[in-house]
Structures are given as structure tokens and as C-alpha cells.
Amino acid sequence: MDSRRILVIASDPGERQSLCDALTGAGLLVTASATLAEGLRGGASGVRIVVIDQSALDPANHQQVFADLRRERVEAPCLVTLHDASVDEAVGLMRDGAFSVVSLPVDPEKLAFQVEQALRHADLCEKNASLERSLESHERLAMIGKLAAGVAHELNNPLDGVLRFVNLAVDGMPKDSPQIPYLLEARRGLRRMADIVRDLLQFSRNANVDATHEDAERLARDAVGQLIAAAPHRRIETIFDFPPVGVPLPRGMFQVFANLAKNAIDAMPQGGKLTLSAKLASGRVQLAVADTGTGIPEELRERVFEPFFTTKEVGKGTGLGLPICLRIVERLGGTLTIVSEVGRGSCVEIDLPARRPLVVAPRPAAPTTRAATQTSKEQ
């Protein structure tokens, strides 16, 4: 049975049952209600097609039902069923917002065909909208990349000089000098700026990703190990679930593992579990980096790949980590998606083309639990 939900609205019980029978007979998942308000009580999520019978229409104001659909933000195509619909009536309804008009009594094959057409139309609209968003995003990324490269180049050399002079000043002062705390604070700020410049340079680069093959688990362990070594105070349980035969990945995926693991640790201020895994399926490599952290609110999930957008505190992240990860994965012919639930954690799923088989040297056993903290929370 098709899992895409068809919402049937008909105030007449007989017509409602007839429409439901015709649609379920075509293998579709149907929800029926007497009124539109009742049908949308559980929300419009999952509704792919709305079928409205003339018994649920206001004869004097057909446009009201379409206005109600727009108000409830229902994007699904709407089919209207009418007895002996004239051409003028059908054209008027379609001008008001109906996708199609179906004559009654119900012809199951005709109704199923119209629904399939509407589903196909909805799918094409979604794909078109996705392509438009992707095009806008890539154009924006290209423009930001050029700007970032110029800014980073101009800042890098003077910033490096200032940081060196601050270090020399700190080293040349007595340990009890009252100026030391101020210089240390200045050095922290300068290092933060240097990290931002590094991320800007990485984001702006259009060079090919290092495609030299390495074992996926070794890349993941090395990336997480550096984070663990740099932050020894927060308790993080790390789990690596990789096939023992080894999964070959381009070396450029090291940075993806590092950025995603860093974000995961940042999302677990009280500690938690970080899981990195991989599996092979149908000529693809499916990777996942999951945490038990705070999660990402639904309204922010579409924005996390925007350059410079971050959910972290001001001064704690550049908002470039995920865009860099996405760019690397896309260059490798893969996709990256995020599944998240507030209060339960997030999982970043990566799908890549499988590489040639890799002979992996035996790996020493490693403990699954390590202590970690994160003193720097840049993305």
C-alpha cells in the first residue's frame, strides 16, 4: 500500500465511503473526514493529495475551501468531485485552486488515475523546489567563497604577526606581571580569529578533495582521537561500528569526521555517547555520526548548512563546519542529511559511492569509553 496519505473530505457519508473504497482499492492510504477542519486536526504533515467532494463545498463560495487550505499551509494538490460537472464549473474550480475535477458517480479507475497524476505533479513540484533551493544555495556559496578567500588572504598575514608579537610579550614578562591576564585573553581572541580565517580558507577552496584511499574506521578514530586528546575533562563514550573487512574512503573524509564529531561533542555539554558507523549496501557506503546531545529544533534544520549560521553561542562557532562537510561529500558524489530530535540527539547520515576493495592491516583493540571535554566550540 502506498504510504502517501490521501485526505478525503465529504460531508455526505455515502459519498465519503464510496470515495474511500475507490482509493483504498487502488492501494492508497486514505483518511476521511466530514469537514476540512476535522481532517486537518492532526496537522497537514504527510497529506499528499486532498480529495474534496461537492458535499463539503459551499455552493455559494467554492473559493473558501481553497483559502482554508492555503491558510493551513496545505501544499498538496486538491481534487474536487462533482455530479455532472459542466466545463464552466470545472474551469472555475481549477482557476480557484483545484488540480483537477472528477465527475461523480465514482469511476474507481478514473479516480485512481487522477490521483496518480496529482501525486506525480506533487513529486515534480517538490523536486523542482529542491533544485531551485540547491541552485540558490550553490550560487550563494560561490559568492561567499570568493569573498571569504579574499578576506582570509588579507587577514592571515597581519593576524599571524600580531599573534607572534603577543606570544613574545607574554614570554618576556615576569610570571606575576598584572598585564599577563590581558595578554592571554588577547591571545585567545587572536587564536579564535585564526581559526575563523582557517575555516574561511577551507570553505573557499575549490581544489579536489584528497581521494587517496584509507580505512574508514582508521580515519574516524584518528579524527575523534585528536578531539579527545585536546579535551580531557568531559565524559564522552565513543563507539566505532565498522565492518572488520575495512571500508575504503577518500582521505578527505577525515575532515568530515572531525567536524561532525566536534559538533556532536559540543552538543553534549553534560557528556553522552558518540557513535561513528559504516556499512556497505548496494554498491554504496553508508556512514553515520550520531550523538545523544541536545538535538536541533525542526525549524532550524534547513538552515544548518547555510554558511555562517550556527546554533552555538555567540563566539563559539563559525557556522562553516557543516557547509564544509557538505561540500566535501558532494564533491565525492555523495549526499549528507541530518536526522535530529530535540532532547534526544542527532544523527548525520552520509551516503557515498563505494570505492575499490581495501586490504586493511589488523587494528589493535581500543576501549569504547573515553573521557573528553571541548574547550573550543567552533563549528
Protein backbone atom coordinates (compact mmCIF):
# COMPACT_ATOMS: atom_id res chain seq x y z
CA MET A 1 0.00 0.00 0.00
CA ASP A 2 1.23 3.48 -0.88
CA SER A 3 2.23 5.26 2.35
CA ARG A 4 1.40 8.70 0.95
CA ARG A 5 -1.80 9.82 2.66
CA ILE A 6 -4.89 10.85 0.70
CA LEU A 7 -7.23 13.08 2.67
CA VAL A 8 -10.89 12.69 1.65
CA ILE A 9 -13.34 15.42 2.71
CA ALA A 10 -17.03 14.64 2.20
CA SER A 11 -19.91 15.61 4.48
CA ASP A 12 -22.20 13.04 2.85
CA PRO A 13 -21.44 9.63 4.50
CA GLY A 14 -22.33 7.67 1.37
CA GLU A 15 -20.10 9.72 -0.91
CA ARG A 16 -17.31 9.59 1.68
CA GLN A 17 -17.46 5.81 1.84
CA SER A 18 -17.63 5.49 -1.93
CA LEU A 19 -14.52 7.66 -2.40
CA CYS A 20 -12.63 5.78 0.32
CA ASP A 21 -13.49 2.40 -1.21
CA ALA A 22 -12.28 3.50 -4.64
CA LEU A 23 -8.97 4.86 -3.30
CA THR A 24 -8.16 2.03 -0.90
CA GLY A 25 -8.96 -0.39 -3.69
CA ALA A 26 -6.16 1.28 -5.67
CA GLY A 27 -3.74 0.56 -2.82
CA LEU A 28 -3.67 4.10 -1.38
CA LEU A 29 -3.64 5.10 2.29
CA VAL A 30 -6.82 7.11 2.93
CA THR A 31 -8.00 9.29 5.79
CA ALA A 32 -11.61 10.53 5.62
CA SER A 33 -13.41 13.35 7.42
CA ALA A 34 -16.67 15.22 7.14
CA THR A 35 -15.05 18.66 7.16
CA LEU A 36 -11.70 20.12 6.23
CA ALA A 37 -11.11 21.42 9.77
CA GLU A 38 -11.67 17.93 11.16
CA GLY A 39 -9.41 16.35 8.55
CA LEU A 40 -6.55 18.73 9.33
CA ARG A 41 -6.93 18.48 13.10
CA GLY A 42 -3.81 16.31 13.29
CA GLY A 43 -1.88 18.64 11.02
CA ALA A 44 -1.16 18.60 7.29
CA SER A 45 2.04 16.57 7.63
CA GLY A 46 2.04 13.55 5.33
CA VAL A 47 -1.01 14.66 3.31
CA ARG A 48 -0.08 14.32 -0.36
CA ILE A 49 -3.48 14.72 -2.03
CA VAL A 50 -6.75 16.27 -0.86
CA VAL A 51 -9.96 14.94 -2.42
CA ILE A 52 -12.95 17.19 -1.68
CA ASP A 53 -16.47 16.10 -2.53
CA GLN A 54 -19.09 18.66 -3.58
CA SER A 55 -21.00 17.86 -0.36
CA ALA A 56 -18.18 19.60 1.56
CA LEU A 57 -18.17 22.68 -0.68
CA ASP A 58 -20.07 25.88 -0.04
CA PRO A 59 -22.25 26.20 -3.18
CA ALA A 60 -22.12 29.99 -2.96
CA ASN A 61 -18.38 30.27 -2.32
CA HIS A 62 -16.19 27.49 -3.74
CA GLN A 63 -13.09 29.59 -3.19
CA GLN A 64 -13.41 29.35 0.60
CA VAL A 65 -12.14 25.78 0.78
CA PHE A 66 -9.02 26.70 -1.19
CA ALA A 67 -8.49 29.74 1.03
CA ASP A 68 -8.75 27.42 4.05
CA LEU A 69 -6.17 25.08 2.53
CA ARG A 70 -3.76 27.97 1.96
CA ARG A 71 -4.33 29.23 5.50
CA GLU A 72 -3.49 25.77 6.88
CA ARG A 73 -0.39 25.68 4.61
CA VAL A 74 -1.53 22.59 2.76
CA GLU A 75 0.63 22.38 -0.37
CA ALA A 76 -0.93 19.13 -1.64
CA PRO A 77 -2.86 19.16 -4.94
CA CYS A 78 -6.64 19.20 -4.49
CA LEU A 79 -9.12 17.10 -6.48
CA VAL A 80 -12.80 18.06 -6.47
CA THR A 81 -15.57 15.54 -7.17
CA LEU A 82 -18.82 16.84 -8.68
CA HIS A 83 -22.04 15.33 -10.04
CA ASP A 84 -22.49 16.21 -13.70
CA ALA A 85 -19.79 18.88 -13.65
CA SER A 86 -20.03 21.31 -16.52
CA VAL A 87 -16.96 22.60 -18.33
CA ASP A 88 -17.53 26.07 -16.87
CA GLU A 89 -17.75 24.67 -13.33
CA ALA A 90 -14.59 22.61 -13.79
CA VAL A 91 -12.65 25.54 -15.24
CA GLY A 92 -13.85 27.83 -12.43
CA LEU A 93 -12.77 25.36 -9.74
CA MET A 94 -9.38 24.87 -11.34
CA ARG A 95 -8.92 28.63 -11.55
CA ASP A 96 -9.74 28.85 -7.85
CA GLY A 97 -7.07 26.26 -6.96
CA ALA A 98 -8.26 22.74 -7.77
CA PHE A 99 -5.76 20.49 -9.52
CA SER A 100 -8.49 18.55 -11.28
CA VAL A 101 -12.26 17.95 -11.26
CA VAL A 102 -13.64 14.39 -11.29
CA SER A 103 -17.24 13.61 -12.23
CA LEU A 104 -19.47 11.52 -9.98
CA PRO A 105 -20.62 8.82 -9.58
CA VAL A 106 -17.17 7.45 -8.82
CA ASP A 107 -15.33 5.57 -11.52
CA PRO A 108 -12.56 3.88 -9.45
CA GLU A 109 -10.13 3.61 -12.35
CA LYS A 110 -10.63 7.22 -13.40
CA LEU A 111 -10.31 8.49 -9.83
CA ALA A 112 -7.16 6.41 -9.24
CA PHE A 113 -5.66 7.75 -12.47
CA GLN A 114 -6.38 11.36 -11.48
CA VAL A 115 -4.84 10.77 -8.04
CA GLU A 116 -1.72 9.25 -9.60
CA GLN A 117 -1.43 12.26 -11.89
CA ALA A 118 -1.75 14.57 -8.89
CA LEU A 119 0.87 12.58 -6.96
CA ARG A 120 3.23 12.78 -9.91
CA HIS A 121 2.61 16.52 -10.13
CA ALA A 122 3.31 16.92 -6.40
CA ASP A 123 6.55 14.94 -6.69
CA LEU A 124 7.71 17.04 -9.63
CA CYS A 125 6.89 20.26 -7.76
CA GLU A 126 8.90 19.08 -4.76
CA LYS A 127 11.87 18.13 -6.95
CA ASN A 128 11.68 21.46 -8.76
CA ALA A 129 11.57 23.37 -5.47
CA SER A 130 14.51 21.32 -4.19
CA LEU A 131 16.52 22.06 -7.34
CA GLU A 132 15.74 25.77 -7.07
CA ARG A 133 16.86 25.79 -3.42
CA SER A 134 20.00 23.88 -4.35
CA LEU A 135 20.80 26.28 -7.20
CA GLU A 136 20.27 29.32 -4.97
CA SER A 137 22.42 27.73 -2.28
CA HIS A 138 25.26 26.94 -4.68
CA GLU A 139 25.18 30.44 -6.16
CA ARG A 140 25.26 31.91 -2.66
CA LEU A 141 28.08 29.56 -1.64
CA ALA A 142 30.13 30.51 -4.70
CA MET A 143 29.74 34.21 -3.97
CA ILE A 144 30.55 33.74 -0.28
CA GLY A 145 33.52 31.55 -1.20
CA LYS A 146 35.08 34.28 -3.33
CA LEU A 147 34.52 36.86 -0.63
CA ALA A 148 35.86 34.53 2.06
CA ALA A 149 39.02 33.79 0.09
CA GLY A 150 39.79 37.48 -0.31
CA VAL A 151 39.09 38.34 3.33
CA ALA A 152 41.07 35.37 4.64
CA HIS A 153 44.06 36.18 2.44
CA GLU A 154 44.15 39.80 3.59
CA LEU A 155 43.78 38.89 7.28
CA ASN A 156 46.08 35.89 7.51
CA ASN A 157 49.50 37.55 7.42
CA PRO A 158 48.83 40.51 9.76
CA LEU A 159 46.97 38.24 12.15
CA ASP A 160 49.89 35.83 12.29
CA GLY A 161 52.26 38.73 13.01
CA VAL A 162 50.12 40.13 15.83
CA LEU A 163 49.80 36.68 17.42
CA ARG A 164 53.58 36.21 17.32
CA PHE A 165 54.16 39.59 18.98
CA VAL A 166 51.63 38.81 21.73
CA ASN A 167 53.38 35.49 22.37
CA LEU A 168 56.73 37.26 22.58
CA ALA A 169 55.28 39.80 25.02
CA VAL A 170 53.86 37.05 27.24
CA ASP A 171 57.13 35.11 27.22
CA GLY A 172 59.18 38.24 28.04
CA MET A 173 57.17 39.29 31.11
CA PRO A 174 57.56 38.11 34.69
CA LYS A 175 55.08 35.39 35.59
CA ASP A 176 53.42 37.64 38.19
CA SER A 177 53.01 40.63 35.87
CA PRO A 178 49.49 42.13 36.11
CA GLN A 179 49.46 42.52 32.31
CA ILE A 180 49.71 38.77 31.70
CA PRO A 181 45.93 38.04 32.06
CA TYR A 182 45.11 40.73 29.50
CA LEU A 183 47.65 39.41 27.02
CA LEU A 184 46.41 35.85 27.48
CA GLU A 185 42.86 37.00 26.80
CA ALA A 186 44.08 38.83 23.70
CA ARG A 187 45.90 35.67 22.57
CA ARG A 188 42.73 33.62 22.96
CA GLY A 189 40.86 36.12 20.81
CA LEU A 190 43.59 36.08 18.18
CA ARG A 191 43.61 32.30 18.06
CA ARG A 192 39.87 32.37 17.65
CA MET A 193 40.30 34.75 14.72
CA ALA A 194 42.97 32.48 13.25
CA ASP A 195 40.55 29.54 13.44
CA ILE A 196 37.93 31.58 11.60
CA VAL A 197 40.44 32.51 8.88
CA ARG A 198 41.43 28.83 8.55
CA ASP A 199 37.78 27.85 8.14
CA LEU A 200 37.23 30.63 5.62
CA LEU A 201 40.17 29.40 3.56
CA GLN A 202 38.96 25.82 3.72
CA PHE A 203 35.44 26.86 2.74
CA SER A 204 36.64 28.94 -0.21
CA ARG A 205 38.90 26.29 -1.71
CA ASN A 206 37.70 24.66 -4.90
CA ALA A 207 40.53 22.15 -5.11
CA ASN A 208 39.75 18.48 -5.45
CA VAL A 209 39.28 16.51 -2.25
CA ASP A 210 42.15 14.14 -1.44
CA ALA A 211 40.84 10.85 -2.85
CA THR A 212 43.67 8.62 -1.61
CA HIS A 213 42.04 5.52 -0.12
CA GLU A 214 42.23 4.91 3.62
CA ASP A 215 40.30 2.71 6.02
CA ALA A 216 37.12 4.45 7.20
CA GLU A 217 37.49 3.31 10.80
CA ARG A 218 41.09 4.49 10.97
CA LEU A 219 40.06 7.91 9.64
CA ALA A 220 37.22 8.10 12.17
CA ARG A 221 39.39 7.02 15.11
CA ASP A 222 42.15 9.48 14.19
CA ALA A 223 39.67 12.35 13.87
CA VAL A 224 37.95 11.61 17.18
CA GLY A 225 41.24 10.83 18.90
CA GLN A 226 42.53 14.34 18.24
CA LEU A 227 39.41 15.86 19.76
CA ILE A 228 39.61 13.56 22.80
CA ALA A 229 43.30 14.33 23.37
CA ALA A 230 42.68 18.08 23.20
CA ALA A 231 39.83 17.98 25.71
CA PRO A 232 40.28 15.59 28.63
CA HIS A 233 37.54 16.66 31.07
CA ARG A 234 34.14 15.87 29.56
CA ARG A 235 32.93 12.26 29.75
CA ILE A 236 32.09 11.02 26.27
CA GLU A 237 31.53 7.35 25.39
CA THR A 238 32.81 6.69 21.87
CA ILE A 239 31.64 3.71 19.82
CA PHE A 240 33.05 2.69 16.43
CA ASP A 241 30.86 0.27 14.48
CA PHE A 242 32.70 -0.57 11.25
CA PRO A 243 32.92 -3.78 9.19
CA PRO A 244 36.02 -5.82 10.12
CA VAL A 245 36.98 -6.22 6.44
CA GLY A 246 37.57 -2.48 6.18
CA VAL A 247 35.71 0.20 4.23
CA PRO A 248 37.81 2.35 1.87
CA LEU A 249 37.16 6.10 1.96
CA PRO A 250 38.92 9.10 0.44
CA ARG A 251 41.36 10.69 2.86
CA GLY A 252 39.42 13.95 2.56
CA MET A 253 36.69 12.38 4.71
CA PHE A 254 38.96 12.86 7.74
CA GLN A 255 37.85 16.48 7.96
CA VAL A 256 34.20 15.46 7.68
CA PHE A 257 34.57 13.04 10.60
CA ALA A 258 36.44 15.67 12.60
CA ASN A 259 33.86 18.43 12.05
CA LEU A 260 30.88 16.16 12.72
CA ALA A 261 32.44 14.64 15.85
CA LYS A 262 33.30 18.12 17.12
CA ASN A 263 29.72 19.28 16.65
CA ALA A 264 28.47 16.14 18.39
CA ILE A 265 30.71 16.72 21.42
CA ASP A 266 29.62 20.35 21.57
CA ALA A 267 26.00 19.15 21.67
CA MET A 268 26.70 17.04 24.79
CA PRO A 269 27.78 19.54 27.48
CA GLN A 270 26.97 17.01 30.22
CA GLY A 271 28.63 14.12 28.40
CA GLY A 272 26.99 11.38 26.37
CA LYS A 273 27.52 8.80 23.65
CA LEU A 274 29.20 9.43 20.29
CA THR A 275 28.74 6.67 17.70
CA LEU A 276 30.50 6.50 14.33
CA SER A 277 29.50 3.69 12.00
CA ALA A 278 29.69 2.46 8.42
CA LYS A 279 28.14 -0.26 6.30
CA LEU A 280 28.20 -1.34 2.68
CA ALA A 281 24.92 -1.72 0.78
CA SER A 282 24.18 -1.97 -2.96
CA GLY A 283 27.50 -0.50 -4.05
CA ARG A 284 27.24 2.39 -1.61
CA VAL A 285 28.94 3.29 1.67
CA GLN A 286 26.52 4.46 4.35
CA LEU A 287 28.16 6.39 7.18
CA ALA A 288 26.58 7.78 10.33
CA VAL A 289 27.80 10.05 13.12
CA ALA A 290 25.30 10.05 15.99
CA ASP A 291 25.19 11.71 19.40
CA THR A 292 22.89 11.80 22.40
CA GLY A 293 23.04 15.57 22.71
CA THR A 294 20.58 18.43 22.71
CA GLY A 295 19.34 17.93 19.15
CA ILE A 296 18.37 20.55 16.55
CA PRO A 297 14.90 22.17 16.51
CA GLU A 298 12.92 21.32 13.37
CA GLU A 299 12.64 24.94 12.27
CA LEU A 300 16.45 25.26 12.19
CA ARG A 301 17.35 22.02 10.39
CA GLU A 302 17.11 23.50 6.90
CA ARG A 303 19.40 26.38 7.89
CA VAL A 304 22.31 24.48 9.42
CA PHE A 305 24.00 24.17 6.02
CA GLU A 306 23.92 27.93 5.44
CA PRO A 307 27.41 29.45 5.70
CA PHE A 308 27.95 31.32 8.98
CA PHE A 309 24.69 30.05 10.51
CA THR A 310 25.28 28.34 13.85
CA THR A 311 23.14 27.17 16.75
CA LYS A 312 26.03 27.68 19.18
CA GLU A 313 26.53 30.62 21.48
CA VAL A 314 27.93 33.85 20.07
CA GLY A 315 31.68 33.45 19.68
CA LYS A 316 31.54 29.65 19.97
CA GLY A 317 31.20 28.66 16.32
CA THR A 318 31.89 29.99 12.83
CA GLY A 319 28.95 28.28 11.15
CA LEU A 320 31.24 26.82 8.49
CA GLY A 321 31.77 23.25 9.72
CA LEU A 322 28.64 21.71 8.20
CA PRO A 323 28.86 23.66 4.90
CA ILE A 324 32.45 22.40 4.54
CA CYS A 325 31.31 18.82 5.26
CA LEU A 326 28.50 19.10 2.73
CA ARG A 327 30.83 20.49 0.08
CA ILE A 328 33.36 17.64 0.56
CA VAL A 329 30.66 14.95 0.48
CA GLU A 330 29.03 16.39 -2.65
CA ARG A 331 32.39 16.55 -4.42
CA LEU A 332 32.78 12.85 -3.69
CA GLY A 333 29.40 12.16 -5.32
CA GLY A 334 27.52 11.62 -2.08
CA THR A 335 24.69 13.06 -0.01
CA LEU A 336 24.54 14.27 3.59
CA THR A 337 21.38 14.51 5.67
CA ILE A 338 20.58 15.20 9.32
CA VAL A 339 18.03 13.40 11.47
CA SER A 340 17.52 15.07 14.83
CA GLU A 341 15.15 15.18 17.78
CA VAL A 342 15.34 17.85 20.45
CA GLY A 343 16.47 16.38 23.74
CA ARG A 344 17.45 13.01 22.23
CA GLY A 345 20.31 13.84 19.89
CA SER A 346 21.22 13.99 16.22
CA CYS A 347 22.48 11.64 13.52
CA VAL A 348 24.30 12.83 10.41
CA GLU A 349 23.90 10.26 7.63
CA ILE A 350 26.28 10.19 4.66
CA ASP A 351 25.82 8.11 1.51
CA LEU A 352 28.84 7.72 -0.80
CA PRO A 353 29.75 5.60 -3.81
CA ALA A 354 31.72 2.53 -2.70
CA ARG A 355 35.44 2.52 -3.53
CA ARG A 356 37.58 -0.40 -4.65
CA PRO A 357 38.22 -3.11 -2.01
CA LEU A 358 40.87 -2.21 0.54
CA VAL A 359 43.20 -4.57 2.37
CA VAL A 360 43.35 -3.32 5.92
CA ALA A 361 46.12 -4.13 8.37
CA PRO A 362 44.90 -5.57 11.69
CA ARG A 363 43.89 -2.87 14.13
CA PRO A 364 44.72 -3.06 17.81
CA ALA A 365 41.74 -3.33 20.14
CA ALA A 366 40.65 0.03 21.50
CA PRO A 367 38.47 0.85 24.52
CA THR A 368 34.99 2.12 23.69
CA THR A 369 34.78 4.60 26.57
CA ARG A 370 36.93 7.69 26.78
CA ALA A 371 36.84 10.91 28.76
CA ALA A 372 36.54 14.07 26.74
CA THR A 373 35.79 17.77 27.02
CA GLN A 374 35.52 20.54 24.49
CA THR A 375 37.23 23.78 25.34
CA SER A 376 36.70 25.31 21.91
CA LYS A 377 33.25 25.11 20.37
CA GLU A 378 33.76 26.44 16.87
CA GLN A 379 31.87 24.53 14.26
